[in-house]
Amino acid sequence: MTPLKIGFIGLGNMGAPMASNLAAAGHSVTGFDVAGTTAKDVTVAADISGAVRDADVVITMLPNGSILRQVAAQAFTDMQEGALFIDCSTVDVESARNTAEAAEKAGLFAVDAPVSGGIGGASGGTLTFMAGGTVDGFAKASPLFDIMGQKAVHCGEAGAGQAAKICNNMILGATMIATCEAFALADKLGLERQKMFDVVSTSSGYSWSMNAYCPAPGVGPTSPADNDYTPGFAAELMLKDLGLSQQAAEAANADTPMGALALALYRQFVEDEDGKGRDFSAMLPRLAARNRES
């Protein structure tokens, strides 16, 4: 494709490698992060305006919906008409829809495209994008998704990408807890963890949490559990996503008891125990150390 001028706002653990992959593919990438972080082969801008002015595409990777709205409001005043705005943050559906409406009023294309795949996927260019927005907006964004990831799904209109991400991570949070509970129970029943993995990974208990991201050290493919639970996906980020799921469930009047319980458990783990700064699969040592009364 023809090289594009891309502005990238949010050069954190995810944004920096995504921006670098775009630059490595031949695009001219100018980045900005309020923390002053940089990325390989990415030109640093002094502010948001410097990153987005005259850009063909602006991509954001931000902490929450409130910051997204603030950044978008500023960026939209400097972006050229007809440019594309892609938000890869995980935020609430309302913020995604509000941003898309503001982009349309400014004469811009907008796509909400949260990602799955973590830091490894961002570095390796193997992310999955869950996209919401118009067909034309998705078509414009697709070649960039091909550079940063291995798959992109157009989920529907504005906000649909965020809806897909929230539902996906509600499943992930609940299944990780169930997987950790099963290992903790197996320990107390005298069943070796490797034997349990050998059975469950090829039986009806199969899941991504078990087979690809096993929370038990030394069992299954290498995962954060094998690195003392150094985060691949931090417990506090899971807490954030589960909070978004329950916010969405309340707004939609949906009954999600497992999602609500997963939120409560991760909130306790992160806010009251030692979960902050650890991988979300560190729920296993937490549960293994407890009994029914604790």
C-alpha atoms as a PDB file:
ATOM      1  CA  MET A   1       0.000   0.000   0.000  1.00  0.00           C
ATOM      2  CA  THR A   2       1.021   3.637  -0.426  1.00  0.00           C
ATOM      3  CA  PRO A   3       2.972   4.868   2.617  1.00  0.00           C
ATOM      4  CA  LEU A   4       0.755   6.843   4.957  1.00  0.00           C
ATOM      5  CA  LYS A   5       1.370   9.587   7.461  1.00  0.00           C
ATOM      6  CA  ILE A   6       0.205   8.140  10.778  1.00  0.00           C
ATOM      7  CA  GLY A   7      -0.188   9.824  14.148  1.00  0.00           C
ATOM      8  CA  PHE A   8      -0.053   7.451  17.124  1.00  0.00           C
ATOM      9  CA  ILE A   9      -1.152   8.613  20.579  1.00  0.00           C
ATOM     10  CA  GLY A  10      -0.355   6.365  23.530  1.00  0.00           C
ATOM     11  CA  LEU A  11       3.083   4.741  23.338  1.00  0.00           C
ATOM     12  CA  GLY A  12       2.804   2.398  26.291  1.00  0.00           C
ATOM     13  CA  ASN A  13       3.486  -1.338  26.475  1.00  0.00           C
ATOM     14  CA  MET A  14       0.972  -2.003  23.719  1.00  0.00           C
ATOM     15  CA  GLY A  15       1.056   1.176  21.676  1.00  0.00           C
ATOM     16  CA  ALA A  16       4.826   1.441  21.269  1.00  0.00           C
ATOM     17  CA  PRO A  17       5.356  -1.900  19.481  1.00  0.00           C
ATOM     18  CA  MET A  18       2.223  -1.366  17.381  1.00  0.00           C
ATOM     19  CA  ALA A  19       3.544   2.012  16.228  1.00  0.00           C
ATOM     20  CA  SER A  20       6.988   0.533  15.541  1.00  0.00           C
ATOM     21  CA  ASN A  21       5.501  -2.232  13.400  1.00  0.00           C
ATOM     22  CA  LEU A  22       3.705   0.378  11.290  1.00  0.00           C
ATOM     23  CA  ALA A  23       6.955   2.307  10.866  1.00  0.00           C
ATOM     24  CA  ALA A  24       8.829  -0.881   9.946  1.00  0.00           C
ATOM     25  CA  ALA A  25       6.241  -1.477   7.211  1.00  0.00           C
ATOM     26  CA  GLY A  26       7.223   1.807   5.578  1.00  0.00           C
ATOM     27  CA  HIS A  27       4.721   4.270   7.009  1.00  0.00           C
ATOM     28  CA  SER A  28       5.729   7.638   8.459  1.00  0.00           C
ATOM     29  CA  VAL A  29       4.694   7.446  12.123  1.00  0.00           C
ATOM     30  CA  THR A  30       4.703  10.353  14.557  1.00  0.00           C
ATOM     31  CA  GLY A  31       3.872   9.488  18.157  1.00  0.00           C
ATOM     32  CA  PHE A  32       2.958  11.235  21.365  1.00  0.00           C
ATOM     33  CA  ASP A  33       2.571   9.971  24.912  1.00  0.00           C
ATOM     34  CA  VAL A  34       1.859  12.157  27.924  1.00  0.00           C
ATOM     35  CA  ALA A  35       4.428  10.143  29.891  1.00  0.00           C
ATOM     36  CA  GLY A  36       7.120  10.966  27.348  1.00  0.00           C
ATOM     37  CA  THR A  37       7.642   7.374  26.228  1.00  0.00           C
ATOM     38  CA  THR A  38       8.974   6.683  22.741  1.00  0.00           C
ATOM     39  CA  ALA A  39       8.987   3.854  20.199  1.00  0.00           C
ATOM     40  CA  LYS A  40      11.547   2.522  17.737  1.00  0.00           C
ATOM     41  CA  ASP A  41      11.536   4.309  14.361  1.00  0.00           C
ATOM     42  CA  VAL A  42       8.718   6.625  15.501  1.00  0.00           C
ATOM     43  CA  THR A  43       9.166  10.397  15.387  1.00  0.00           C
ATOM     44  CA  VAL A  44       8.266  12.038  18.694  1.00  0.00           C
ATOM     45  CA  ALA A  45       5.795  14.944  18.717  1.00  0.00           C
ATOM     46  CA  ALA A  46       5.645  17.582  21.431  1.00  0.00           C
ATOM     47  CA  ASP A  47       1.875  17.310  21.815  1.00  0.00           C
ATOM     48  CA  ILE A  48      -1.291  15.792  20.374  1.00  0.00           C
ATOM     49  CA  SER A  49      -1.571  18.464  17.700  1.00  0.00           C
ATOM     50  CA  GLY A  50       1.938  17.753  16.473  1.00  0.00           C
ATOM     51  CA  ALA A  51       1.154  14.057  16.172  1.00  0.00           C
ATOM     52  CA  VAL A  52      -2.115  14.349  14.269  1.00  0.00           C
ATOM     53  CA  ARG A  53      -1.734  17.422  12.063  1.00  0.00           C
ATOM     54  CA  ASP A  54      -1.848  16.462   8.360  1.00  0.00           C
ATOM     55  CA  ALA A  55      -2.024  12.753   9.255  1.00  0.00           C
ATOM     56  CA  ASP A  56      -3.885  10.366   6.987  1.00  0.00           C
ATOM     57  CA  VAL A  57      -4.598   8.132   9.974  1.00  0.00           C
ATOM     58  CA  VAL A  58      -4.566   8.678  13.729  1.00  0.00           C
ATOM     59  CA  ILE A  59      -4.430   5.686  16.076  1.00  0.00           C
ATOM     60  CA  THR A  60      -4.920   5.822  19.836  1.00  0.00           C
ATOM     61  CA  MET A  61      -4.150   3.338  22.607  1.00  0.00           C
ATOM     62  CA  LEU A  62      -5.382   4.918  25.844  1.00  0.00           C
ATOM     63  CA  PRO A  63      -6.269   3.884  29.426  1.00  0.00           C
ATOM     64  CA  ASN A  64      -9.997   4.647  29.566  1.00  0.00           C
ATOM     65  CA  GLY A  65     -13.015   6.244  27.942  1.00  0.00           C
ATOM     66  CA  SER A  66     -12.673   9.580  29.695  1.00  0.00           C
ATOM     67  CA  ILE A  67      -9.149  10.088  28.366  1.00  0.00           C
ATOM     68  CA  LEU A  68     -10.245   8.894  24.920  1.00  0.00           C
ATOM     69  CA  ARG A  69     -12.935  11.565  24.785  1.00  0.00           C
ATOM     70  CA  GLN A  70     -10.479  14.272  25.833  1.00  0.00           C
ATOM     71  CA  VAL A  71      -7.829  13.182  23.330  1.00  0.00           C
ATOM     72  CA  ALA A  72     -10.354  12.804  20.509  1.00  0.00           C
ATOM     73  CA  ALA A  73     -11.837  16.258  21.143  1.00  0.00           C
ATOM     74  CA  GLN A  74      -8.395  17.814  20.761  1.00  0.00           C
ATOM     75  CA  ALA A  75      -7.269  15.611  17.877  1.00  0.00           C
ATOM     76  CA  PHE A  76     -10.402  16.192  15.812  1.00  0.00           C
ATOM     77  CA  THR A  77      -9.792  19.953  15.723  1.00  0.00           C
ATOM     78  CA  ASP A  78      -6.415  19.374  14.030  1.00  0.00           C
ATOM     79  CA  MET A  79      -7.096  16.375  11.795  1.00  0.00           C
ATOM     80  CA  GLN A  80      -7.733  16.928   8.111  1.00  0.00           C
ATOM     81  CA  GLU A  81     -11.181  16.173   6.697  1.00  0.00           C
ATOM     82  CA  GLY A  82     -11.500  12.618   5.396  1.00  0.00           C
ATOM     83  CA  ALA A  83      -8.780  11.243   7.664  1.00  0.00           C
ATOM     84  CA  LEU A  84      -9.254   7.997   9.593  1.00  0.00           C
ATOM     85  CA  PHE A  85      -9.358   7.729  13.391  1.00  0.00           C
ATOM     86  CA  ILE A  86      -8.755   4.270  14.891  1.00  0.00           C
ATOM     87  CA  ASP A  87      -9.082   3.772  18.638  1.00  0.00           C
ATOM     88  CA  CYS A  88      -7.473   0.546  19.859  1.00  0.00           C
ATOM     89  CA  SER A  89      -8.121   1.198  23.551  1.00  0.00           C
ATOM     90  CA  THR A  90     -10.501  -0.906  25.607  1.00  0.00           C
ATOM     91  CA  VAL A  91     -13.178   1.508  26.820  1.00  0.00           C
ATOM     92  CA  ASP A  92     -16.892   1.623  27.543  1.00  0.00           C
ATOM     93  CA  VAL A  93     -19.287   1.295  24.617  1.00  0.00           C
ATOM     94  CA  GLU A  94     -20.804   4.741  25.227  1.00  0.00           C
ATOM     95  CA  SER A  95     -17.417   6.450  24.889  1.00  0.00           C
ATOM     96  CA  ALA A  96     -16.747   4.584  21.647  1.00  0.00           C
ATOM     97  CA  ARG A  97     -20.089   5.651  20.195  1.00  0.00           C
ATOM     98  CA  ASN A  98     -19.677   9.228  21.414  1.00  0.00           C
ATOM     99  CA  THR A  99     -16.247   9.395  19.749  1.00  0.00           C
ATOM    100  CA  ALA A 100     -17.608   8.015  16.480  1.00  0.00           C
ATOM    101  CA  GLU A 101     -20.384  10.613  16.450  1.00  0.00           C
ATOM    102  CA  ALA A 102     -17.890  13.414  17.084  1.00  0.00           C
ATOM    103  CA  ALA A 103     -15.649  12.091  14.309  1.00  0.00           C
ATOM    104  CA  GLU A 104     -18.520  12.027  11.838  1.00  0.00           C
ATOM    105  CA  LYS A 105     -19.383  15.643  12.659  1.00  0.00           C
ATOM    106  CA  ALA A 106     -15.747  16.560  12.008  1.00  0.00           C
ATOM    107  CA  GLY A 107     -15.816  14.858   8.602  1.00  0.00           C
ATOM    108  CA  LEU A 108     -13.670  11.926   9.693  1.00  0.00           C
ATOM    109  CA  PHE A 109     -13.906   8.158   9.481  1.00  0.00           C
ATOM    110  CA  ALA A 110     -13.818   6.398  12.861  1.00  0.00           C
ATOM    111  CA  VAL A 111     -13.285   2.782  13.901  1.00  0.00           C
ATOM    112  CA  ASP A 112     -13.255   1.413  17.443  1.00  0.00           C
ATOM    113  CA  ALA A 113     -10.855  -1.513  17.351  1.00  0.00           C
ATOM    114  CA  PRO A 114      -9.819  -2.944  20.723  1.00  0.00           C
ATOM    115  CA  VAL A 115      -7.311  -5.766  20.565  1.00  0.00           C
ATOM    116  CA  SER A 116      -6.620  -9.204  21.955  1.00  0.00           C
ATOM    117  CA  GLY A 117      -3.170 -10.756  22.138  1.00  0.00           C
ATOM    118  CA  GLY A 118      -1.369  -8.805  24.836  1.00  0.00           C
ATOM    119  CA  ILE A 119       2.147  -7.390  24.744  1.00  0.00           C
ATOM    120  CA  GLY A 120       3.464 -10.425  22.860  1.00  0.00           C
ATOM    121  CA  GLY A 121       0.864  -9.983  20.149  1.00  0.00           C
ATOM    122  CA  ALA A 122       1.597  -6.263  19.884  1.00  0.00           C
ATOM    123  CA  SER A 123       5.333  -6.916  19.506  1.00  0.00           C
ATOM    124  CA  GLY A 124       4.925  -9.798  17.089  1.00  0.00           C
ATOM    125  CA  GLY A 125       2.216  -8.196  14.981  1.00  0.00           C
ATOM    126  CA  THR A 126      -0.212 -10.999  15.777  1.00  0.00           C
ATOM    127  CA  LEU A 127      -3.037  -9.088  17.458  1.00  0.00           C
ATOM    128  CA  THR A 128      -6.726  -9.712  16.833  1.00  0.00           C
ATOM    129  CA  PHE A 129      -8.778  -6.570  16.196  1.00  0.00           C
ATOM    130  CA  MET A 130     -12.471  -6.393  17.049  1.00  0.00           C
ATOM    131  CA  ALA A 131     -13.754  -3.480  14.995  1.00  0.00           C
ATOM    132  CA  GLY A 132     -16.844  -1.337  15.074  1.00  0.00           C
ATOM    133  CA  GLY A 133     -17.737   1.405  12.598  1.00  0.00           C
ATOM    134  CA  THR A 134     -18.836   1.886   9.015  1.00  0.00           C
ATOM    135  CA  VAL A 135     -17.963  -0.521   6.229  1.00  0.00           C
ATOM    136  CA  ASP A 136     -15.905   2.206   4.548  1.00  0.00           C
ATOM    137  CA  GLY A 137     -14.028   2.994   7.750  1.00  0.00           C
ATOM    138  CA  PHE A 138     -13.193  -0.666   8.305  1.00  0.00           C
ATOM    139  CA  ALA A 139     -12.010  -1.010   4.709  1.00  0.00           C
ATOM    140  CA  LYS A 140      -9.626   1.926   5.168  1.00  0.00           C
ATOM    141  CA  ALA A 141      -8.300   0.477   8.421  1.00  0.00           C
ATOM    142  CA  SER A 142      -7.900  -3.122   7.253  1.00  0.00           C
ATOM    143  CA  PRO A 143      -4.423  -2.790   5.633  1.00  0.00           C
ATOM    144  CA  LEU A 144      -3.104  -1.361   8.913  1.00  0.00           C
ATOM    145  CA  PHE A 145      -4.723  -4.157  10.898  1.00  0.00           C
ATOM    146  CA  ASP A 146      -2.887  -6.590   8.604  1.00  0.00           C
ATOM    147  CA  ILE A 147       0.423  -5.029   9.669  1.00  0.00           C
ATOM    148  CA  MET A 148      -0.299  -4.927  13.401  1.00  0.00           C
ATOM    149  CA  GLY A 149      -2.209  -8.184  13.675  1.00  0.00           C
ATOM    150  CA  GLN A 150      -3.172 -11.537  12.256  1.00  0.00           C
ATOM    151  CA  LYS A 151      -6.951 -11.098  12.223  1.00  0.00           C
ATOM    152  CA  ALA A 152      -9.543  -8.322  12.162  1.00  0.00           C
ATOM    153  CA  VAL A 153     -13.288  -8.826  12.451  1.00  0.00           C
ATOM    154  CA  HIS A 154     -15.814  -6.137  11.549  1.00  0.00           C
ATOM    155  CA  CYS A 155     -18.298  -6.654  14.370  1.00  0.00           C
ATOM    156  CA  GLY A 156     -20.848  -4.021  13.364  1.00  0.00           C
ATOM    157  CA  GLU A 157     -21.565  -0.347  13.851  1.00  0.00           C
ATOM    158  CA  ALA A 158     -19.775   2.053  16.188  1.00  0.00           C
ATOM    159  CA  GLY A 159     -19.240   0.490  19.617  1.00  0.00           C
ATOM    160  CA  ALA A 160     -19.559  -3.089  18.366  1.00  0.00           C
ATOM    161  CA  GLY A 161     -15.820  -3.659  18.656  1.00  0.00           C
ATOM    162  CA  GLN A 162     -15.883  -2.618  22.301  1.00  0.00           C
ATOM    163  CA  ALA A 163     -18.927  -4.813  22.920  1.00  0.00           C
ATOM    164  CA  ALA A 164     -17.065  -7.821  21.489  1.00  0.00           C
ATOM    165  CA  LYS A 165     -13.954  -7.106  23.580  1.00  0.00           C
ATOM    166  CA  ILE A 166     -15.967  -6.714  26.784  1.00  0.00           C
ATOM    167  CA  CYS A 167     -17.856  -9.978  26.222  1.00  0.00           C
ATOM    168  CA  ASN A 168     -14.658 -11.820  25.283  1.00  0.00           C
ATOM    169  CA  ASN A 169     -12.801 -10.710  28.391  1.00  0.00           C
ATOM    170  CA  MET A 170     -15.731 -11.471  30.673  1.00  0.00           C
ATOM    171  CA  ILE A 171     -15.437 -15.069  29.427  1.00  0.00           C
ATOM    172  CA  LEU A 172     -11.674 -14.979  29.869  1.00  0.00           C
ATOM    173  CA  GLY A 173     -11.841 -13.709  33.443  1.00  0.00           C
ATOM    174  CA  ALA A 174     -14.417 -16.283  34.478  1.00  0.00           C
ATOM    175  CA  THR A 175     -12.670 -19.209  32.774  1.00  0.00           C
ATOM    176  CA  MET A 176      -9.302 -18.293  34.276  1.00  0.00           C
ATOM    177  CA  ILE A 177     -10.819 -18.330  37.747  1.00  0.00           C
ATOM    178  CA  ALA A 178     -12.471 -21.694  37.058  1.00  0.00           C
ATOM    179  CA  THR A 179      -9.187 -23.091  35.708  1.00  0.00           C
ATOM    180  CA  CYS A 180      -7.288 -21.918  38.789  1.00  0.00           C
ATOM    181  CA  GLU A 181      -9.952 -23.350  41.088  1.00  0.00           C
ATOM    182  CA  ALA A 182      -9.651 -26.710  39.339  1.00  0.00           C
ATOM    183  CA  PHE A 183      -5.869 -26.816  39.815  1.00  0.00           C
ATOM    184  CA  ALA A 184      -6.231 -25.839  43.475  1.00  0.00           C
ATOM    185  CA  LEU A 185      -8.797 -28.590  43.971  1.00  0.00           C
ATOM    186  CA  ALA A 186      -6.603 -31.106  42.143  1.00  0.00           C
ATOM    187  CA  ASP A 187      -3.750 -30.244  44.525  1.00  0.00           C
ATOM    188  CA  LYS A 188      -5.898 -30.993  47.544  1.00  0.00           C
ATOM    189  CA  LEU A 189      -7.124 -34.230  45.986  1.00  0.00           C
ATOM    190  CA  GLY A 190      -3.564 -35.386  45.363  1.00  0.00           C
ATOM    191  CA  LEU A 191      -3.819 -35.184  41.578  1.00  0.00           C
ATOM    192  CA  GLU A 192      -0.611 -34.093  39.864  1.00  0.00           C
ATOM    193  CA  ARG A 193      -0.995 -30.846  37.920  1.00  0.00           C
ATOM    194  CA  GLN A 194       0.612 -32.307  34.803  1.00  0.00           C
ATOM    195  CA  LYS A 195      -1.816 -35.236  34.846  1.00  0.00           C
ATOM    196  CA  MET A 196      -4.761 -32.899  35.215  1.00  0.00           C
ATOM    197  CA  PHE A 197      -3.498 -30.798  32.309  1.00  0.00           C
ATOM    198  CA  ASP A 198      -3.023 -33.915  30.156  1.00  0.00           C
ATOM    199  CA  VAL A 199      -6.648 -34.886  30.737  1.00  0.00           C
ATOM    200  CA  VAL A 200      -8.403 -31.511  30.721  1.00  0.00           C
ATOM    201  CA  SER A 201      -6.475 -30.035  27.776  1.00  0.00           C
ATOM    202  CA  THR A 202      -7.826 -32.822  25.568  1.00  0.00           C
ATOM    203  CA  SER A 203     -11.272 -33.129  27.159  1.00  0.00           C
ATOM    204  CA  SER A 204     -14.398 -31.071  27.645  1.00  0.00           C
ATOM    205  CA  GLY A 205     -12.606 -28.732  30.061  1.00  0.00           C
ATOM    206  CA  TYR A 206     -10.464 -27.441  27.166  1.00  0.00           C
ATOM    207  CA  SER A 207     -10.145 -23.633  27.130  1.00  0.00           C
ATOM    208  CA  TRP A 208      -7.680 -20.939  26.130  1.00  0.00           C
ATOM    209  CA  SER A 209      -6.932 -20.360  29.815  1.00  0.00           C
ATOM    210  CA  MET A 210      -5.939 -24.005  30.203  1.00  0.00           C
ATOM    211  CA  ASN A 211      -4.360 -24.859  26.868  1.00  0.00           C
ATOM    212  CA  ALA A 212      -2.615 -21.672  25.756  1.00  0.00           C
ATOM    213  CA  TYR A 213      -2.096 -19.734  29.010  1.00  0.00           C
ATOM    214  CA  CYS A 214      -1.957 -22.394  31.673  1.00  0.00           C
ATOM    215  CA  PRO A 215      -1.741 -20.794  35.147  1.00  0.00           C
ATOM    216  CA  ALA A 216       0.305 -23.669  36.606  1.00  0.00           C
ATOM    217  CA  PRO A 217       4.111 -23.238  36.362  1.00  0.00           C
ATOM    218  CA  GLY A 218       5.885 -25.911  34.349  1.00  0.00           C
ATOM    219  CA  VAL A 219       2.676 -27.199  32.811  1.00  0.00           C
ATOM    220  CA  GLY A 220       1.658 -26.682  29.186  1.00  0.00           C
ATOM    221  CA  PRO A 221       3.149 -24.025  26.890  1.00  0.00           C
ATOM    222  CA  THR A 222       5.334 -21.327  28.442  1.00  0.00           C
ATOM    223  CA  SER A 223       3.169 -18.672  30.089  1.00  0.00           C
ATOM    224  CA  PRO A 224       3.554 -15.889  32.695  1.00  0.00           C
ATOM    225  CA  ALA A 225       3.209 -18.578  35.374  1.00  0.00           C
ATOM    226  CA  ASP A 226       6.689 -19.745  34.324  1.00  0.00           C
ATOM    227  CA  ASN A 227       8.084 -16.251  34.986  1.00  0.00           C
ATOM    228  CA  ASP A 228       6.758 -15.809  38.535  1.00  0.00           C
ATOM    229  CA  TYR A 229       3.521 -14.376  37.113  1.00  0.00           C
ATOM    230  CA  THR A 230       5.175 -11.312  35.597  1.00  0.00           C
ATOM    231  CA  PRO A 231       2.264  -9.801  33.665  1.00  0.00           C
ATOM    232  CA  GLY A 232       1.446 -10.703  30.133  1.00  0.00           C
ATOM    233  CA  PHE A 233      -1.991  -9.354  30.985  1.00  0.00           C
ATOM    234  CA  ALA A 234      -2.037  -7.693  34.381  1.00  0.00           C
ATOM    235  CA  ALA A 235      -4.681  -8.509  36.976  1.00  0.00           C
ATOM    236  CA  GLU A 236      -5.588  -4.819  37.244  1.00  0.00           C
ATOM    237  CA  LEU A 237      -6.338  -4.746  33.503  1.00  0.00           C
ATOM    238  CA  MET A 238      -8.608  -7.755  33.899  1.00  0.00           C
ATOM    239  CA  LEU A 239     -10.284  -5.914  36.762  1.00  0.00           C
ATOM    240  CA  LYS A 240     -10.826  -2.921  34.471  1.00  0.00           C
ATOM    241  CA  ASP A 241     -12.319  -5.056  31.689  1.00  0.00           C
ATOM    242  CA  LEU A 242     -14.611  -6.961  34.050  1.00  0.00           C
ATOM    243  CA  GLY A 243     -15.775  -3.614  35.421  1.00  0.00           C
ATOM    244  CA  LEU A 244     -16.625  -2.521  31.886  1.00  0.00           C
ATOM    245  CA  SER A 245     -18.546  -5.762  31.352  1.00  0.00           C
ATOM    246  CA  GLN A 246     -20.712  -5.149  34.379  1.00  0.00           C
ATOM    247  CA  GLN A 247     -21.220  -1.506  33.480  1.00  0.00           C
ATOM    248  CA  ALA A 248     -22.437  -2.665  30.069  1.00  0.00           C
ATOM    249  CA  ALA A 249     -24.585  -5.414  31.609  1.00  0.00           C
ATOM    250  CA  GLU A 250     -26.291  -2.909  33.870  1.00  0.00           C
ATOM    251  CA  ALA A 251     -26.953  -0.537  30.971  1.00  0.00           C
ATOM    252  CA  ALA A 252     -28.352  -3.381  28.835  1.00  0.00           C
ATOM    253  CA  ASN A 253     -30.281  -4.979  31.737  1.00  0.00           C
ATOM    254  CA  ALA A 254     -28.404  -8.252  31.183  1.00  0.00           C
ATOM    255  CA  ASP A 255     -28.077 -10.896  33.905  1.00  0.00           C
ATOM    256  CA  THR A 256     -24.364 -11.844  34.149  1.00  0.00           C
ATOM    257  CA  PRO A 257     -23.851 -13.481  37.573  1.00  0.00           C
ATOM    258  CA  MET A 258     -20.565 -15.200  36.663  1.00  0.00           C
ATOM    259  CA  GLY A 259     -19.180 -11.955  35.284  1.00  0.00           C
ATOM    260  CA  ALA A 260     -20.216 -10.129  38.450  1.00  0.00           C
ATOM    261  CA  LEU A 261     -18.560 -12.747  40.665  1.00  0.00           C
ATOM    262  CA  ALA A 262     -15.370 -12.662  38.583  1.00  0.00           C
ATOM    263  CA  LEU A 263     -15.296  -8.877  39.002  1.00  0.00           C
ATOM    264  CA  ALA A 264     -15.677  -9.199  42.775  1.00  0.00           C
ATOM    265  CA  LEU A 265     -12.865 -11.772  43.009  1.00  0.00           C
ATOM    266  CA  TYR A 266     -10.428  -9.759  40.892  1.00  0.00           C
ATOM    267  CA  ARG A 267     -11.305  -6.591  42.801  1.00  0.00           C
ATOM    268  CA  GLN A 268     -10.443  -8.337  46.077  1.00  0.00           C
ATOM    269  CA  PHE A 269      -7.265  -9.794  44.542  1.00  0.00           C
ATOM    270  CA  VAL A 270      -6.035  -6.451  43.166  1.00  0.00           C
ATOM    271  CA  GLU A 271      -7.264  -3.967  45.750  1.00  0.00           C
ATOM    272  CA  ASP A 272      -7.049  -5.915  49.012  1.00  0.00           C
ATOM    273  CA  GLU A 273      -4.424  -8.598  48.380  1.00  0.00           C
ATOM    274  CA  ASP A 274      -1.196  -8.848  46.337  1.00  0.00           C
ATOM    275  CA  GLY A 275      -2.650  -9.043  42.842  1.00  0.00           C
ATOM    276  CA  LYS A 276      -1.648  -5.611  41.578  1.00  0.00           C
ATOM    277  CA  GLY A 277       1.338  -5.858  39.270  1.00  0.00           C
ATOM    278  CA  ARG A 278       0.915  -9.605  38.785  1.00  0.00           C
ATOM    279  CA  ASP A 279      -0.492 -11.526  35.851  1.00  0.00           C
ATOM    280  CA  PHE A 280      -4.205 -12.272  36.008  1.00  0.00           C
ATOM    281  CA  SER A 281      -3.366 -15.993  36.111  1.00  0.00           C
ATOM    282  CA  ALA A 282      -1.754 -15.455  39.533  1.00  0.00           C
ATOM    283  CA  MET A 283      -5.227 -16.238  40.822  1.00  0.00           C
ATOM    284  CA  LEU A 284      -3.886 -19.828  41.053  1.00  0.00           C
ATOM    285  CA  PRO A 285      -1.397 -19.348  43.930  1.00  0.00           C
ATOM    286  CA  ARG A 286      -4.022 -17.222  45.646  1.00  0.00           C
ATOM    287  CA  LEU A 287      -6.608 -19.998  45.511  1.00  0.00           C
ATOM    288  CA  ALA A 288      -4.117 -22.788  46.193  1.00  0.00           C
ATOM    289  CA  ALA A 289      -3.187 -21.145  49.490  1.00  0.00           C
ATOM    290  CA  ARG A 290      -6.786 -20.840  50.690  1.00  0.00           C
ATOM    291  CA  ASN A 291      -9.385 -23.165  52.119  1.00  0.00           C
ATOM    292  CA  ARG A 292     -13.174 -22.933  52.262  1.00  0.00           C
ATOM    293  CA  GLU A 293     -13.123 -20.839  55.442  1.00  0.00           C
ATOM    294  CA  SER A 294     -10.472 -18.323  54.364  1.00  0.00           C
END
